[in-house]
Amino acid sequence: MQKLSAKLENVPVDIPHVYCTTSLVLNRDENLSVLDGLKDVKLTDNNLDAALTSVKRDKAFKVFVINQTGRPIMPTTPRKARKLLESSRATVKNLTPFTIQLTYRTEGATQPITLGEDSGYNHIGLSAVSEKEELYSIDVNLRTDMVKLNSERSMYRKTRRSRLWYREPRFNNRVKSKGWLAPSIQHKLDTHKKLVNDIKKILPITNTIIEVANFDIQKIKNPSIFGSEYQQGEQLDFYNTREYVLHRDGHRCQYPKCNHKDQILNVHHITSRQVGSNSPSNLITLCSSCHKKLHKSKIKLNIKPSKSFKAETFMTMIRWRLVEELGCDYTFGYVTKSRRIELGLSKSHVNDAFVIAGGTNQVRCSPV
């Protein structure tokens, strides 16, 4: 009782509380005015210090439904889903997104639903649109730590195998199959396919459209490049990248406060080779003394990391493979951009996916 009284003393008295009684539900006519006043009010959790917050209801909120055999049918409203669950005519299949499975046999008429995907390197936008409304929308952030995780796994495997001295070496037998992709790229490709297939398990998708893009890295670096200039890169007439970087930096240490006279010069990666690249823009010339001090964290280089073109390279690599493996249609970025501007939508992954799916004036839903 002492703990309870101490907790009640801290309860604010000016918070508006709403009490819901049984008569509020049973007698609809008498409480119609009360319901109208509460339609935009959402109750928070059962905390003594919780107050009421005003929110806007999502009119397009749906509960996904699959039939008795596991085939997806058209989603239903929360009210009808609640009735089906209370009468034991349906069971909860998934919580996120909330999906129920019918326990009785039904044909389940479906409507044409188009799934649009705004594919990308770090983000994926997905939107499922019917003739009248948007049924599903999600913005997914892809993992960016796969390179470090794979390197850590390789380290542990190497250590574990070194203890098994009796095991024959296996690395000589490893052959890269045709169409091999780096593990980090393969993970992103598999994530694209998994997301599309997961949506097809809860919605009767009739058509899938993916936005593909082809990036000209040379054109991005030099907008005026033309013709034979594509064969005349920045490393023309140099034996390797190291020789070019040393020539570019004048065979001098690029640390501003360097006062050494070392004859040995090293080529240092600005961004670590693990997550960076071996391109000249990520390399800099340092003398041997400065290079050692840098790795011992005694000095710092105030150099911004070079622009990475991983996203552009990724989309160029997997665009047609994604279309082929999913067996879907495709569109291009300039088409999506023009239609999005016509509809007056802001730039976002879910809005692009909505436009890709053929959305126009359908009722939108909140992203999952």
Protein backbone atom coordinates (compact mmCIF):
# COMPACT_ATOMS: atom_id res chain seq x y z
CA MET A 1 0.00 0.00 0.00
CA GLN A 2 2.87 2.37 0.69
CA LYS A 3 4.27 1.82 -2.80
CA LEU A 4 0.84 2.31 -4.35
CA SER A 5 0.16 5.51 -2.46
CA ALA A 6 3.58 6.85 -3.34
CA LYS A 7 2.94 6.15 -7.03
CA LEU A 8 -0.51 7.77 -6.94
CA GLU A 9 0.89 10.96 -5.46
CA ASN A 10 2.81 11.63 -8.70
CA VAL A 11 -0.26 11.28 -10.94
CA PRO A 12 -1.12 14.60 -12.64
CA VAL A 13 -4.71 15.71 -12.07
CA ASP A 14 -5.12 17.82 -15.22
CA ILE A 15 -4.84 14.98 -17.78
CA PRO A 16 -8.11 14.35 -19.68
CA HIS A 17 -9.12 10.70 -19.20
CA VAL A 18 -11.84 8.91 -21.14
CA TYR A 19 -13.70 6.00 -19.56
CA CYS A 20 -15.22 3.42 -21.87
CA THR A 21 -18.20 1.50 -20.46
CA THR A 22 -20.30 -1.37 -21.77
CA SER A 23 -23.22 0.93 -22.55
CA LEU A 24 -20.98 2.90 -24.88
CA VAL A 25 -20.70 -0.15 -27.10
CA LEU A 26 -24.18 -1.65 -26.76
CA ASN A 27 -26.32 1.45 -27.10
CA ARG A 28 -25.14 3.00 -30.34
CA ASP A 29 -27.86 5.61 -30.77
CA GLU A 30 -27.46 7.12 -27.33
CA ASN A 31 -23.69 7.37 -27.61
CA LEU A 32 -23.42 8.52 -31.23
CA SER A 33 -22.42 12.01 -30.20
CA VAL A 34 -19.77 10.64 -27.87
CA LEU A 35 -18.33 8.43 -30.61
CA ASP A 36 -18.16 11.38 -32.99
CA GLY A 37 -16.06 13.23 -30.47
CA LEU A 38 -13.69 10.30 -30.02
CA LYS A 39 -13.22 9.18 -33.63
CA ASP A 40 -9.89 10.99 -33.95
CA VAL A 41 -8.63 10.03 -30.50
CA LYS A 42 -6.20 7.21 -29.85
CA LEU A 43 -5.63 5.73 -26.40
CA THR A 44 -2.03 5.16 -25.41
CA ASP A 45 -0.79 2.32 -23.20
CA ASN A 46 -2.11 1.54 -19.70
CA ASN A 47 0.25 3.90 -17.96
CA LEU A 48 -0.99 6.14 -15.16
CA ASP A 49 0.91 9.05 -16.66
CA ALA A 50 -0.41 8.45 -20.20
CA ALA A 51 -2.56 11.06 -21.87
CA LEU A 52 -4.77 11.03 -24.94
CA THR A 53 -3.16 11.96 -28.24
CA SER A 54 -5.05 13.11 -31.31
CA VAL A 55 -4.19 11.17 -34.47
CA LYS A 56 -5.54 10.96 -37.97
CA ARG A 57 -7.12 7.61 -38.82
CA ASP A 58 -5.77 5.63 -41.73
CA LYS A 59 -8.83 4.91 -43.87
CA ALA A 60 -6.92 2.48 -46.07
CA PHE A 61 -5.81 0.19 -43.23
CA LYS A 62 -6.46 -3.42 -44.19
CA VAL A 63 -6.04 -6.88 -42.71
CA PHE A 64 -4.48 -9.37 -45.10
CA VAL A 65 -6.28 -12.66 -45.65
CA ILE A 66 -5.24 -16.06 -46.98
CA ASN A 67 -7.72 -18.85 -47.61
CA GLN A 68 -7.79 -22.33 -46.15
CA THR A 69 -5.27 -23.66 -48.66
CA GLY A 70 -2.80 -20.80 -48.09
CA ARG A 71 -3.61 -18.80 -51.23
CA PRO A 72 -3.85 -15.02 -50.71
CA ILE A 73 -7.17 -13.31 -51.36
CA MET A 74 -8.31 -9.72 -51.11
CA PRO A 75 -7.68 -8.03 -47.72
CA THR A 76 -10.56 -7.12 -45.44
CA THR A 77 -11.39 -4.46 -42.87
CA PRO A 78 -10.33 -4.72 -39.22
CA ARG A 79 -13.99 -5.01 -38.14
CA LYS A 80 -14.69 -8.00 -40.35
CA ALA A 81 -11.40 -9.62 -39.37
CA ARG A 82 -12.33 -9.25 -35.70
CA LYS A 83 -15.70 -10.89 -36.34
CA LEU A 84 -14.03 -13.80 -38.13
CA LEU A 85 -11.57 -14.32 -35.30
CA GLU A 86 -14.27 -14.14 -32.62
CA SER A 87 -16.38 -16.75 -34.43
CA SER A 88 -13.35 -19.03 -34.92
CA ARG A 89 -13.75 -18.79 -38.69
CA ALA A 90 -10.18 -17.49 -38.96
CA THR A 91 -6.88 -17.74 -37.12
CA VAL A 92 -3.98 -15.33 -36.82
CA LYS A 93 -1.27 -16.23 -39.32
CA ASN A 94 1.19 -13.32 -38.91
CA LEU A 95 1.37 -10.27 -36.71
CA THR A 96 3.56 -8.08 -38.96
CA PRO A 97 1.87 -7.38 -41.25
CA PHE A 98 -1.29 -8.61 -39.54
CA THR A 99 -2.59 -11.57 -41.55
CA ILE A 100 -5.38 -14.03 -40.84
CA GLN A 101 -6.11 -17.43 -42.40
CA LEU A 102 -9.64 -18.62 -42.98
CA THR A 103 -10.67 -21.97 -41.51
CA TYR A 104 -13.52 -22.59 -43.94
CA ARG A 105 -13.49 -23.22 -47.66
CA THR A 106 -14.07 -20.24 -49.93
CA GLU A 107 -13.17 -19.29 -53.47
CA GLY A 108 -12.30 -15.68 -52.61
CA ALA A 109 -12.80 -13.39 -55.60
CA THR A 110 -9.74 -11.28 -56.36
CA GLN A 111 -9.07 -8.00 -58.15
CA PRO A 112 -6.11 -6.91 -60.29
CA ILE A 113 -3.29 -5.71 -58.02
CA THR A 114 -0.03 -4.25 -59.31
CA LEU A 115 3.13 -4.30 -57.20
CA GLY A 116 5.66 -1.56 -57.86
CA GLU A 117 9.25 -1.73 -56.61
CA ASP A 118 11.68 1.16 -56.44
CA SER A 119 14.88 -0.88 -56.26
CA GLY A 120 18.04 0.58 -54.82
CA TYR A 121 21.36 -0.06 -53.07
CA ASN A 122 20.43 1.16 -49.57
CA HIS A 123 16.64 1.50 -49.79
CA ILE A 124 13.76 -0.39 -51.38
CA GLY A 125 10.30 1.10 -51.84
CA LEU A 126 7.32 -1.23 -52.41
CA SER A 127 3.70 -0.38 -53.11
CA ALA A 128 0.75 -2.63 -54.00
CA VAL A 129 -2.05 -0.74 -55.75
CA SER A 130 -5.52 -1.82 -56.84
CA GLU A 131 -8.01 0.14 -58.90
CA LYS A 132 -9.41 2.05 -55.91
CA GLU A 133 -6.75 2.09 -53.20
CA GLU A 134 -3.21 1.37 -52.14
CA LEU A 135 -3.21 -1.87 -50.18
CA TYR A 136 0.40 -2.12 -49.03
CA SER A 137 3.34 0.25 -48.76
CA ILE A 138 6.77 -0.20 -47.20
CA ASP A 139 10.19 1.48 -47.20
CA VAL A 140 13.00 -0.96 -46.38
CA ASN A 141 16.51 0.01 -45.29
CA LEU A 142 19.03 -2.58 -46.44
CA ARG A 143 21.97 -3.67 -44.35
CA THR A 144 25.27 -1.91 -44.98
CA ASP A 145 27.53 -4.00 -42.74
CA MET A 146 27.65 -7.20 -44.77
CA VAL A 147 31.28 -6.68 -45.84
CA LYS A 148 32.48 -6.37 -42.24
CA LEU A 149 30.35 -9.31 -41.11
CA ASN A 150 31.67 -11.51 -43.91
CA SER A 151 35.26 -10.50 -43.09
CA GLU A 152 34.70 -11.32 -39.44
CA ARG A 153 33.20 -14.68 -40.34
CA SER A 154 36.18 -15.42 -42.59
CA MET A 155 38.56 -14.62 -39.74
CA TYR A 156 36.80 -17.00 -37.36
CA ARG A 157 36.69 -19.74 -39.96
CA LYS A 158 40.37 -19.39 -40.71
CA THR A 159 41.21 -19.59 -37.00
CA ARG A 160 39.00 -22.62 -36.49
CA ARG A 161 40.41 -24.48 -39.47
CA SER A 162 43.97 -23.76 -38.39
CA ARG A 163 43.33 -25.87 -35.31
CA LEU A 164 42.20 -28.81 -37.45
CA TRP A 165 45.72 -29.56 -38.67
CA TYR A 166 44.69 -32.97 -40.01
CA ARG A 167 42.12 -31.57 -42.44
CA GLU A 168 43.17 -31.44 -46.09
CA PRO A 169 43.19 -27.98 -47.71
CA ARG A 170 39.97 -27.16 -49.54
CA PHE A 171 40.59 -23.73 -50.98
CA ASN A 172 42.17 -25.19 -54.13
CA ASN A 173 38.89 -26.90 -55.01
CA ARG A 174 36.71 -23.78 -54.91
CA VAL A 175 35.46 -22.66 -58.31
CA LYS A 176 33.27 -19.60 -58.89
CA SER A 177 30.18 -20.60 -60.82
CA LYS A 178 28.87 -18.68 -63.80
CA GLY A 179 27.06 -15.53 -62.72
CA TRP A 180 28.87 -15.40 -59.37
CA LEU A 181 28.37 -12.23 -57.33
CA ALA A 182 30.23 -10.94 -54.31
CA PRO A 183 28.48 -12.02 -51.05
CA SER A 184 27.46 -8.46 -50.16
CA ILE A 185 25.92 -7.92 -53.61
CA GLN A 186 24.26 -11.34 -53.56
CA HIS A 187 22.70 -10.51 -50.19
CA LYS A 188 21.11 -7.34 -51.54
CA LEU A 189 19.83 -9.18 -54.62
CA ASP A 190 18.31 -11.91 -52.46
CA THR A 191 16.67 -9.28 -50.25
CA HIS A 192 14.98 -7.70 -53.29
CA LYS A 193 13.56 -11.07 -54.34
CA LYS A 194 12.52 -12.04 -50.81
CA LEU A 195 10.54 -8.85 -50.25
CA VAL A 196 8.60 -9.29 -53.48
CA ASN A 197 7.90 -12.96 -52.77
CA ASP A 198 6.77 -12.18 -49.20
CA ILE A 199 4.21 -9.68 -50.46
CA LYS A 200 2.92 -12.22 -52.98
CA LYS A 201 2.19 -14.53 -50.04
CA ILE A 202 -0.32 -12.09 -48.50
CA LEU A 203 -1.73 -10.33 -51.59
CA PRO A 204 -2.95 -11.77 -54.92
CA ILE A 205 -0.47 -9.82 -57.03
CA THR A 206 -1.30 -9.98 -60.74
CA ASN A 207 1.57 -7.88 -62.08
CA THR A 208 4.96 -6.73 -60.79
CA ILE A 209 6.87 -3.74 -62.15
CA ILE A 210 10.44 -2.89 -61.17
CA GLU A 211 12.36 0.29 -61.93
CA VAL A 212 15.74 -0.47 -63.52
CA ALA A 213 18.57 1.92 -64.25
CA ASN A 214 21.84 1.91 -66.16
CA PHE A 215 24.50 4.34 -64.95
CA ASP A 216 27.43 5.58 -67.01
CA ILE A 217 30.13 6.07 -64.37
CA GLN A 218 32.49 7.77 -66.83
CA LYS A 219 29.73 10.21 -67.80
CA ILE A 220 29.04 10.97 -64.16
CA LYS A 221 32.71 11.79 -63.54
CA ASN A 222 33.14 13.74 -66.78
CA PRO A 223 29.85 14.98 -68.31
CA SER A 224 31.65 16.15 -71.49
CA ILE A 225 33.20 12.76 -72.32
CA PHE A 226 32.58 11.56 -75.85
CA GLY A 227 33.61 8.87 -78.31
CA SER A 228 37.17 7.57 -78.03
CA GLU A 229 37.65 9.44 -74.74
CA TYR A 230 36.06 6.42 -73.02
CA GLN A 231 39.25 4.46 -73.86
CA GLN A 232 41.50 7.26 -72.58
CA GLY A 233 41.03 7.16 -68.84
CA GLU A 234 43.00 8.98 -66.17
CA GLN A 235 45.48 6.08 -65.90
CA LEU A 236 46.40 6.11 -69.59
CA ASP A 237 50.12 5.34 -70.25
CA PHE A 238 50.71 4.25 -66.64
CA TYR A 239 51.67 0.68 -65.76
CA ASN A 240 49.46 0.42 -62.67
CA THR A 241 47.41 2.45 -60.22
CA ARG A 242 50.29 2.93 -57.79
CA GLU A 243 52.46 4.58 -60.44
CA TYR A 244 49.62 6.90 -61.42
CA VAL A 245 48.93 7.97 -57.80
CA LEU A 246 52.61 8.71 -57.17
CA HIS A 247 52.80 10.76 -60.38
CA ARG A 248 49.56 12.59 -59.56
CA ASP A 249 50.88 13.58 -56.11
CA GLY A 250 54.28 14.63 -57.47
CA HIS A 251 56.11 11.88 -55.57
CA ARG A 252 55.66 13.84 -52.36
CA CYS A 253 54.04 13.08 -49.04
CA GLN A 254 50.58 14.64 -48.94
CA TYR A 255 50.46 15.13 -45.16
CA PRO A 256 50.60 18.95 -44.74
CA LYS A 257 52.82 18.91 -41.63
CA CYS A 258 55.29 16.36 -42.94
CA ASN A 259 58.91 17.28 -42.12
CA HIS A 260 60.54 13.94 -42.91
CA LYS A 261 62.92 13.21 -45.73
CA ASP A 262 62.05 9.57 -46.30
CA GLN A 263 62.91 8.13 -49.66
CA ILE A 264 60.27 5.42 -49.36
CA LEU A 265 56.74 6.44 -50.35
CA ASN A 266 53.59 4.44 -49.64
CA VAL A 267 50.15 4.58 -51.22
CA HIS A 268 47.54 4.81 -48.46
CA HIS A 269 43.79 4.02 -48.66
CA ILE A 270 41.74 6.99 -47.42
CA THR A 271 38.78 4.69 -46.75
CA SER A 272 39.84 1.24 -45.63
CA ARG A 273 40.29 -1.30 -48.39
CA GLN A 274 37.72 -3.52 -46.67
CA VAL A 275 34.81 -1.16 -47.34
CA GLY A 276 36.46 1.22 -49.82
CA SER A 277 38.09 0.60 -53.17
CA ASN A 278 41.42 0.62 -54.99
CA SER A 279 40.44 3.49 -57.25
CA PRO A 280 42.86 6.46 -57.47
CA SER A 281 40.34 8.75 -55.81
CA ASN A 282 40.61 6.62 -52.65
CA LEU A 283 44.43 6.59 -52.61
CA ILE A 284 46.95 9.14 -51.39
CA THR A 285 50.76 9.28 -51.20
CA LEU A 286 52.40 9.26 -47.77
CA CYS A 287 55.99 8.85 -46.70
CA SER A 288 56.92 5.84 -44.63
CA SER A 289 57.13 7.78 -41.33
CA CYS A 290 53.76 9.51 -41.76
CA HIS A 291 52.20 6.25 -42.88
CA LYS A 292 53.28 4.49 -39.68
CA LYS A 293 52.14 7.39 -37.48
CA LEU A 294 48.75 7.41 -39.21
CA HIS A 295 48.16 3.73 -38.47
CA LYS A 296 49.20 4.29 -34.86
CA SER A 297 46.65 7.16 -34.62
CA LYS A 298 49.36 9.72 -33.88
CA ILE A 299 48.33 11.95 -36.78
CA LYS A 300 45.08 12.48 -38.68
CA LEU A 301 44.31 13.25 -42.32
CA ASN A 302 41.63 15.88 -42.83
CA ILE A 303 40.56 14.48 -46.18
CA LYS A 304 36.97 13.82 -47.13
CA PRO A 305 36.31 10.30 -48.44
CA SER A 306 35.98 10.15 -52.18
CA LYS A 307 32.56 9.72 -53.74
CA SER A 308 31.65 6.08 -54.03
CA PHE A 309 29.77 4.71 -57.02
CA LYS A 310 28.77 1.44 -55.36
CA ALA A 311 25.07 2.16 -55.67
CA GLU A 312 25.29 2.95 -59.38
CA THR A 313 27.47 -0.10 -60.04
CA PHE A 314 25.12 -2.35 -58.07
CA MET A 315 22.05 -1.27 -60.05
CA THR A 316 23.89 -1.73 -63.35
CA MET A 317 24.96 -5.25 -62.33
CA ILE A 318 21.69 -6.70 -61.03
CA ARG A 319 18.98 -4.85 -62.98
CA TRP A 320 18.32 -7.46 -65.68
CA ARG A 321 19.00 -10.40 -63.39
CA LEU A 322 16.35 -9.12 -61.01
CA VAL A 323 13.83 -8.79 -63.84
CA GLU A 324 14.63 -12.26 -65.18
CA GLU A 325 14.53 -14.11 -61.85
CA LEU A 326 11.26 -12.47 -60.78
CA GLY A 327 9.71 -12.70 -64.25
CA CYS A 328 8.24 -9.20 -64.04
CA ASP A 329 7.92 -6.05 -66.12
CA TYR A 330 10.22 -3.05 -65.83
CA THR A 331 10.25 0.70 -66.23
CA PHE A 332 12.87 3.45 -66.16
CA GLY A 333 13.67 6.26 -63.77
CA TYR A 334 12.83 9.15 -66.09
CA VAL A 335 9.31 7.75 -66.56
CA THR A 336 8.81 7.52 -62.81
CA LYS A 337 10.11 11.04 -62.25
CA SER A 338 7.84 12.64 -64.85
CA ARG A 339 4.73 10.88 -63.55
CA ARG A 340 5.58 11.72 -59.94
CA ILE A 341 5.92 15.41 -60.83
CA GLU A 342 2.58 15.31 -62.68
CA LEU A 343 0.89 13.89 -59.57
CA GLY A 344 2.55 16.49 -57.32
CA LEU A 345 4.17 13.90 -55.04
CA SER A 346 7.36 14.50 -53.10
CA LYS A 347 10.50 12.48 -53.76
CA SER A 348 10.50 9.32 -51.63
CA HIS A 349 10.92 5.61 -52.17
CA VAL A 350 7.30 4.76 -51.33
CA ASN A 351 5.98 7.51 -53.61
CA ASP A 352 8.17 6.28 -56.46
CA ALA A 353 6.93 2.72 -55.88
CA PHE A 354 3.34 4.01 -55.90
CA VAL A 355 3.91 5.70 -59.25
CA ILE A 356 5.69 2.63 -60.66
CA ALA A 357 2.67 0.51 -59.74
CA GLY A 358 0.43 2.81 -61.78
CA GLY A 359 -0.98 4.77 -58.86
CA THR A 360 -2.85 7.98 -59.58
CA ASN A 361 -5.63 9.10 -57.23
CA GLN A 362 -6.05 5.94 -55.14
CA VAL A 363 -6.47 6.17 -51.38
CA ARG A 364 -2.99 5.94 -49.87
CA CYS A 365 -2.02 3.86 -46.84
CA SER A 366 0.69 4.47 -44.26
CA PRO A 367 4.01 2.65 -44.85
CA VAL A 368 4.47 -0.50 -42.75
